[in-house]
N, C-alpha and C. Protein backbone atom coordinates (compact mmCIF):
# COMPACT_ATOMS: atom_id res chain seq x y z
N MET A 1 228.40 214.87 58.37
CA MET A 1 227.90 215.98 57.58
C MET A 1 228.96 217.09 57.59
N ASN A 2 229.15 217.68 56.47
CA ASN A 2 230.12 218.74 56.33
C ASN A 2 229.68 219.98 57.14
N VAL A 3 230.61 220.61 57.81
CA VAL A 3 230.31 221.78 58.64
C VAL A 3 229.77 222.92 57.79
N LEU A 4 230.37 223.11 56.62
CA LEU A 4 229.91 224.18 55.73
C LEU A 4 228.47 223.95 55.29
N LEU A 5 228.14 222.72 54.97
CA LEU A 5 226.77 222.40 54.58
C LEU A 5 225.80 222.63 55.74
N LEU A 6 226.21 222.33 56.95
CA LEU A 6 225.37 222.57 58.13
C LEU A 6 225.11 224.06 58.32
N ILE A 7 226.14 224.88 58.15
CA ILE A 7 225.97 226.33 58.27
C ILE A 7 225.03 226.86 57.19
N ILE A 8 225.19 226.36 55.98
CA ILE A 8 224.32 226.79 54.88
C ILE A 8 222.87 226.41 55.16
N ILE A 9 222.65 225.22 55.66
CA ILE A 9 221.29 224.78 55.96
C ILE A 9 220.68 225.64 57.06
N ILE A 10 221.44 225.99 58.08
CA ILE A 10 220.91 226.82 59.16
C ILE A 10 220.56 228.21 58.64
N VAL A 11 221.46 228.83 57.89
CA VAL A 11 221.21 230.19 57.39
C VAL A 11 220.01 230.22 56.46
N PHE A 12 219.97 229.27 55.52
CA PHE A 12 218.85 229.25 54.59
C PHE A 12 217.57 228.78 55.27
N GLY A 13 217.67 227.99 56.32
CA GLY A 13 216.49 227.59 57.08
C GLY A 13 215.83 228.77 57.77
N VAL A 14 216.65 229.62 58.37
CA VAL A 14 216.11 230.84 58.99
C VAL A 14 215.48 231.74 57.94
N ALA A 15 216.16 231.89 56.79
CA ALA A 15 215.61 232.71 55.71
C ALA A 15 214.30 232.12 55.20
N ALA A 16 214.23 230.80 55.11
CA ALA A 16 213.00 230.16 54.65
C ALA A 16 211.85 230.37 55.64
N LEU A 17 212.15 230.30 56.94
CA LEU A 17 211.10 230.56 57.93
C LEU A 17 210.57 231.99 57.84
N LEU A 18 211.49 232.95 57.66
CA LEU A 18 211.05 234.33 57.52
C LEU A 18 210.23 234.52 56.24
N THR A 19 210.61 233.82 55.20
CA THR A 19 209.85 233.89 53.95
C THR A 19 208.47 233.27 54.11
N LEU A 20 208.39 232.17 54.84
CA LEU A 20 207.08 231.56 55.09
C LEU A 20 206.17 232.48 55.89
N VAL A 21 206.75 233.23 56.81
CA VAL A 21 205.95 234.21 57.56
C VAL A 21 205.35 235.24 56.61
N ARG A 22 206.15 235.70 55.64
CA ARG A 22 205.65 236.68 54.66
C ARG A 22 204.58 236.06 53.78
N ILE A 23 204.72 234.78 53.44
CA ILE A 23 203.69 234.12 52.62
C ILE A 23 202.38 234.02 53.39
N VAL A 24 202.45 233.71 54.66
CA VAL A 24 201.24 233.56 55.46
C VAL A 24 200.59 234.91 55.77
N ARG A 25 201.40 235.91 56.13
CA ARG A 25 200.86 237.20 56.57
C ARG A 25 200.45 238.11 55.43
N GLY A 26 201.03 237.94 54.26
CA GLY A 26 200.64 238.75 53.11
C GLY A 26 201.22 240.14 53.14
N PRO A 27 200.49 241.17 53.06
CA PRO A 27 199.03 241.31 53.05
C PRO A 27 198.40 241.15 51.67
N SER A 28 199.13 241.33 50.59
CA SER A 28 198.51 241.22 49.27
C SER A 28 199.01 239.96 48.57
N ILE A 29 198.35 239.64 47.47
CA ILE A 29 198.75 238.46 46.70
C ILE A 29 200.12 238.67 46.06
N LEU A 30 200.45 239.91 45.74
CA LEU A 30 201.77 240.18 45.15
C LEU A 30 202.88 239.96 46.18
N ASP A 31 202.64 240.33 47.44
CA ASP A 31 203.62 240.04 48.50
C ASP A 31 203.84 238.54 48.64
N ARG A 32 202.75 237.80 48.58
CA ARG A 32 202.85 236.35 48.69
C ARG A 32 203.58 235.75 47.49
N ALA A 33 203.33 236.29 46.30
CA ALA A 33 203.99 235.80 45.09
C ALA A 33 205.49 236.06 45.14
N VAL A 34 205.88 237.24 45.57
CA VAL A 34 207.30 237.55 45.69
C VAL A 34 207.96 236.67 46.74
N ALA A 35 207.28 236.45 47.85
CA ALA A 35 207.83 235.59 48.90
C ALA A 35 207.97 234.15 48.43
N SER A 36 207.02 233.67 47.64
CA SER A 36 207.15 232.30 47.13
C SER A 36 208.30 232.21 46.13
N ASP A 37 208.53 233.26 45.34
CA ASP A 37 209.70 233.28 44.45
C ASP A 37 210.99 233.26 45.25
N VAL A 38 211.02 234.00 46.34
CA VAL A 38 212.21 234.01 47.20
C VAL A 38 212.44 232.63 47.81
N LEU A 39 211.36 231.97 48.22
CA LEU A 39 211.49 230.64 48.80
C LEU A 39 212.03 229.65 47.77
N LEU A 40 211.53 229.71 46.55
CA LEU A 40 212.06 228.84 45.50
C LEU A 40 213.52 229.14 45.21
N THR A 41 213.89 230.41 45.24
CA THR A 41 215.28 230.78 45.03
C THR A 41 216.16 230.24 46.15
N GLU A 42 215.66 230.27 47.37
CA GLU A 42 216.43 229.70 48.48
C GLU A 42 216.62 228.20 48.31
N VAL A 43 215.60 227.51 47.85
CA VAL A 43 215.73 226.07 47.60
C VAL A 43 216.77 225.82 46.53
N ILE A 44 216.75 226.60 45.46
CA ILE A 44 217.73 226.45 44.39
C ILE A 44 219.14 226.71 44.91
N CYS A 45 219.30 227.72 45.74
CA CYS A 45 220.62 228.04 46.30
C CYS A 45 221.14 226.92 47.19
N VAL A 46 220.28 226.36 48.01
CA VAL A 46 220.69 225.27 48.89
C VAL A 46 221.11 224.05 48.07
N LEU A 47 220.31 223.71 47.06
CA LEU A 47 220.66 222.57 46.22
C LEU A 47 221.94 222.82 45.45
N GLY A 48 222.12 224.02 44.96
CA GLY A 48 223.36 224.36 44.26
C GLY A 48 224.57 224.32 45.17
N ALA A 49 224.42 224.81 46.38
CA ALA A 49 225.53 224.76 47.33
C ALA A 49 225.87 223.32 47.70
N GLU A 50 224.86 222.49 47.86
CA GLU A 50 225.10 221.08 48.17
C GLU A 50 225.83 220.40 47.01
N MET A 51 225.44 220.73 45.78
CA MET A 51 226.13 220.16 44.61
C MET A 51 227.59 220.61 44.58
N ALA A 52 227.84 221.87 44.86
CA ALA A 52 229.22 222.39 44.82
C ALA A 52 230.07 221.79 45.93
N ILE A 53 229.51 221.64 47.11
CA ILE A 53 230.27 221.11 48.23
C ILE A 53 230.60 219.63 48.02
N ASN A 54 229.64 218.86 47.53
CA ASN A 54 229.84 217.42 47.36
C ASN A 54 230.35 217.03 45.97
N HIS A 55 230.61 218.01 45.12
CA HIS A 55 231.20 217.78 43.79
C HIS A 55 230.42 216.78 42.95
N HIS A 56 229.12 217.05 42.78
CA HIS A 56 228.32 216.20 41.90
C HIS A 56 227.29 217.06 41.17
N THR A 57 226.62 216.46 40.20
CA THR A 57 225.58 217.17 39.43
C THR A 57 224.29 216.36 39.40
N ARG A 58 224.09 215.48 40.34
CA ARG A 58 222.90 214.63 40.34
C ARG A 58 221.61 215.40 40.54
N THR A 59 221.65 216.51 41.25
CA THR A 59 220.42 217.26 41.52
C THR A 59 220.18 218.38 40.51
N LEU A 60 220.95 218.41 39.44
CA LEU A 60 220.75 219.44 38.43
C LEU A 60 219.37 219.38 37.78
N PRO A 61 218.82 218.20 37.46
CA PRO A 61 217.45 218.16 36.93
C PRO A 61 216.42 218.73 37.90
N VAL A 62 216.63 218.50 39.19
CA VAL A 62 215.71 219.06 40.19
C VAL A 62 215.79 220.58 40.18
N LEU A 63 217.00 221.12 40.07
CA LEU A 63 217.17 222.57 39.99
C LEU A 63 216.42 223.14 38.80
N LEU A 64 216.53 222.50 37.66
CA LEU A 64 215.84 222.99 36.46
C LEU A 64 214.33 222.94 36.61
N ILE A 65 213.81 221.89 37.22
CA ILE A 65 212.37 221.78 37.41
C ILE A 65 211.87 222.83 38.39
N VAL A 66 212.58 223.03 39.49
CA VAL A 66 212.18 224.05 40.48
C VAL A 66 212.23 225.45 39.85
N ALA A 67 213.24 225.72 39.04
CA ALA A 67 213.33 227.02 38.37
C ALA A 67 212.17 227.21 37.39
N ALA A 68 211.83 226.18 36.65
CA ALA A 68 210.71 226.27 35.71
C ALA A 68 209.39 226.51 36.44
N ILE A 69 209.20 225.83 37.56
CA ILE A 69 207.98 226.03 38.36
C ILE A 69 207.91 227.47 38.85
N GLY A 70 209.04 228.01 39.27
CA GLY A 70 209.06 229.40 39.73
C GLY A 70 208.71 230.39 38.63
N VAL A 71 209.26 230.18 37.45
CA VAL A 71 208.96 231.08 36.33
C VAL A 71 207.50 231.00 35.94
N PHE A 72 207.00 229.78 35.76
CA PHE A 72 205.60 229.63 35.35
C PHE A 72 204.64 230.10 36.43
N GLY A 73 204.98 229.90 37.68
CA GLY A 73 204.14 230.40 38.76
C GLY A 73 204.09 231.92 38.81
N SER A 74 205.22 232.56 38.59
CA SER A 74 205.25 234.03 38.56
C SER A 74 204.43 234.57 37.40
N ILE A 75 204.54 233.93 36.25
CA ILE A 75 203.76 234.36 35.10
C ILE A 75 202.27 234.20 35.36
N ALA A 76 201.88 233.09 35.97
CA ALA A 76 200.46 232.86 36.26
C ALA A 76 199.91 233.89 37.23
N VAL A 77 200.67 234.21 38.27
CA VAL A 77 200.22 235.21 39.24
C VAL A 77 200.13 236.59 38.59
N ALA A 78 201.12 236.94 37.78
CA ALA A 78 201.10 238.24 37.11
C ALA A 78 199.89 238.36 36.18
N ARG A 79 199.59 237.31 35.45
CA ARG A 79 198.42 237.34 34.56
C ARG A 79 197.13 237.45 35.36
N PHE A 80 197.05 236.74 36.48
CA PHE A 80 195.86 236.79 37.33
C PHE A 80 195.65 238.19 37.88
N VAL A 81 196.71 238.80 38.39
CA VAL A 81 196.60 240.14 38.97
C VAL A 81 196.27 241.17 37.88
N ALA A 82 196.88 241.04 36.71
CA ALA A 82 196.59 241.97 35.62
C ALA A 82 195.14 241.85 35.17
N ARG A 83 194.63 240.65 35.07
CA ARG A 83 193.24 240.44 34.66
C ARG A 83 192.29 240.98 35.73
N ARG A 84 192.63 240.77 37.00
CA ARG A 84 191.80 241.26 38.10
C ARG A 84 191.76 242.80 38.11
N ASP A 85 192.93 243.41 37.88
CA ASP A 85 192.99 244.88 37.87
C ASP A 85 192.20 245.47 36.71
N ARG A 86 192.22 244.80 35.55
CA ARG A 86 191.44 245.29 34.41
C ARG A 86 189.95 245.20 34.68
N GLN A 87 189.52 244.16 35.37
CA GLN A 87 188.11 244.01 35.67
C GLN A 87 187.63 245.03 36.69
N GLN A 88 188.49 245.45 37.60
CA GLN A 88 188.11 246.42 38.61
C GLN A 88 188.06 247.83 38.05
N SER A 89 188.78 248.10 36.98
CA SER A 89 188.82 249.46 36.40
C SER A 89 187.59 249.79 35.62
């Protein structure tokens, strides 16, 4: 295993654990939504770094799917929170 890839995995692994703590602890749904977006971004960064280090593009479709899930998930949470806020007013 490449040393650079190992360092990247360790750094992003620590960041992912801290992000998971924020997802579990909250306190609000918006905090959890932002943390899940950060976690997806970390996954995209790790996959992109792995592609750059190993000089291939095999995981590019996975990157696109993960990015699409992140966008659609953020939109769904924003619509849910906006609808909830309108009902409370």
